[in-house]
Amino acid sequence: HQLGAYLLHAKISPDCRHLVTTSSDKTARLFDTTTWQLTQTLSQHKKWVWDAVFSADSSYLVTASSDRSSLLWNLRTGTPVRQYTDHDYAVTCVALNDSST
C-alpha cells in the first residue's frame, strides 16, 4: 500500500491460497500465500476500503468502503461484477452467507 496509508484489515481466503488487505489508500490487495507476492490490486473505490470478505469457494470477494458502496469482485478476472451503492453512510464491514441450505 502507499507510504503513509493505513492497513485496516487482513484476511486469509477459505482455501488458504490468498491474503487480502484493505487500506486507506482506496485499495484492496491480494497476495499469493505461497510466494507472498502481490497478485492483484483492486482499485475502483473512491475512499478508504475498510473491510473485505471472501466467498466460500475463494473465487469472489466483497469490499466495503467509505465511498458508501460495496463491490463484489470476480477474483479470476479482477473486475467488479456487482456494485451496491447509495448507502446513507460509509460501509465499514461486510459479511457473506454462502450456505446453500
Protein backbone atom coordinates (compact mmCIF):
# COMPACT_ATOMS: atom_id res chain seq x y z
CA HIS A 1 0.00 0.00 0.00
CA GLN A 2 1.07 3.60 -0.42
CA LEU A 3 3.55 5.07 2.03
CA GLY A 4 1.63 6.63 4.89
CA ALA A 5 -1.56 4.65 4.22
CA TYR A 6 -3.25 2.72 7.00
CA LEU A 7 -3.59 -1.04 6.66
CA LEU A 8 -7.07 -1.72 8.04
CA HIS A 9 -7.71 -5.47 7.74
CA ALA A 10 -6.01 -8.63 6.55
CA LYS A 11 -7.81 -11.93 5.93
CA ILE A 12 -6.88 -15.35 4.57
CA SER A 13 -9.15 -16.93 1.96
CA PRO A 14 -11.05 -20.14 2.84
CA ASP A 15 -8.79 -22.15 0.51
CA CYS A 16 -5.72 -20.58 2.23
CA ARG A 17 -4.27 -19.53 -1.15
CA HIS A 18 -4.77 -15.76 -0.81
CA LEU A 19 -4.38 -12.97 1.69
CA VAL A 20 -6.39 -9.78 1.19
CA THR A 21 -5.51 -6.46 2.81
CA THR A 22 -7.69 -3.34 2.92
CA SER A 23 -6.34 0.14 3.22
CA SER A 24 -6.87 3.88 3.47
CA ASP A 25 -5.23 4.14 0.02
CA LYS A 26 -8.62 3.14 -1.54
CA THR A 27 -7.47 -0.36 -2.49
CA ALA A 28 -7.77 -3.99 -1.55
CA ARG A 29 -4.70 -6.04 -2.41
CA LEU A 30 -4.41 -9.78 -2.89
CA PHE A 31 -1.27 -11.75 -2.16
CA ASP A 32 -0.42 -15.35 -3.01
CA THR A 33 0.23 -17.14 0.30
CA THR A 34 2.84 -19.50 -1.15
CA THR A 35 5.09 -16.75 -2.55
CA TRP A 36 3.72 -13.69 -0.67
CA GLN A 37 3.80 -11.83 -3.98
CA LEU A 38 1.15 -9.23 -4.79
CA THR A 39 -1.19 -10.75 -7.39
CA GLN A 40 -3.97 -8.14 -7.72
CA THR A 41 -4.76 -4.59 -6.70
CA LEU A 42 -8.49 -3.87 -6.63
CA SER A 43 -8.76 -0.11 -7.01
CA GLN A 44 -12.23 1.07 -8.03
CA HIS A 45 -13.29 2.54 -4.68
CA LYS A 46 -13.09 6.31 -4.25
CA LYS A 47 -12.37 6.32 -0.49
CA TRP A 48 -10.93 4.04 2.21
CA VAL A 49 -11.57 0.30 1.85
CA TRP A 50 -12.47 -0.80 5.39
CA ASP A 51 -13.20 -4.49 5.06
CA ALA A 52 -13.30 -7.45 2.69
CA VAL A 53 -14.64 -10.99 2.80
CA PHE A 54 -14.07 -13.99 0.53
CA SER A 55 -16.80 -16.26 -0.80
CA ALA A 56 -16.71 -19.85 0.47
CA ASP A 57 -15.05 -21.05 -2.75
CA SER A 58 -12.50 -18.17 -2.64
CA SER A 59 -13.39 -17.03 -6.17
CA TYR A 60 -15.20 -13.83 -5.16
CA LEU A 61 -14.50 -11.00 -2.76
CA VAL A 62 -16.77 -8.30 -1.36
CA THR A 63 -15.20 -5.00 -0.31
CA ALA A 64 -16.68 -2.28 1.93
CA SER A 65 -15.74 1.37 1.53
CA SER A 66 -16.15 4.86 2.94
CA ASP A 67 -17.46 5.86 -0.51
CA ARG A 68 -20.81 4.40 0.66
CA SER A 69 -20.53 1.33 -1.56
CA SER A 70 -19.65 -2.35 -1.58
CA LEU A 71 -18.26 -4.15 -4.59
CA LEU A 72 -18.48 -7.84 -5.46
CA TRP A 73 -15.28 -8.81 -7.29
CA ASN A 74 -14.63 -11.79 -9.52
CA LEU A 75 -11.09 -12.71 -8.47
CA ARG A 76 -10.42 -14.68 -11.65
CA THR A 77 -10.82 -11.51 -13.74
CA GLY A 78 -10.07 -8.86 -11.10
CA THR A 79 -13.19 -6.92 -12.05
CA PRO A 80 -16.30 -5.97 -10.09
CA VAL A 81 -19.39 -7.91 -11.13
CA ARG A 82 -21.86 -6.08 -8.90
CA GLN A 83 -21.91 -2.75 -7.09
CA TYR A 84 -24.04 -1.99 -4.04
CA THR A 85 -24.31 1.80 -3.78
CA ASP A 86 -26.11 4.70 -2.15
CA HIS A 87 -25.84 3.60 1.45
CA ASP A 88 -26.52 6.51 3.79
CA TYR A 89 -23.10 6.24 5.43
CA ALA A 90 -19.71 4.63 4.93
CA VAL A 91 -19.78 0.84 4.64
CA THR A 92 -17.28 -0.30 7.26
CA CYS A 93 -17.85 -4.06 7.45
CA VAL A 94 -19.16 -6.84 5.28
CA ALA A 95 -20.13 -10.50 5.69
CA LEU A 96 -21.32 -13.28 3.39
CA ASN A 97 -23.56 -16.25 3.93
CA ASP A 98 -22.62 -18.80 1.30
CA SER A 99 -24.78 -21.52 2.82
CA SER A 100 -26.68 -23.48 0.20
CA THR A 101 -29.17 -24.82 2.72
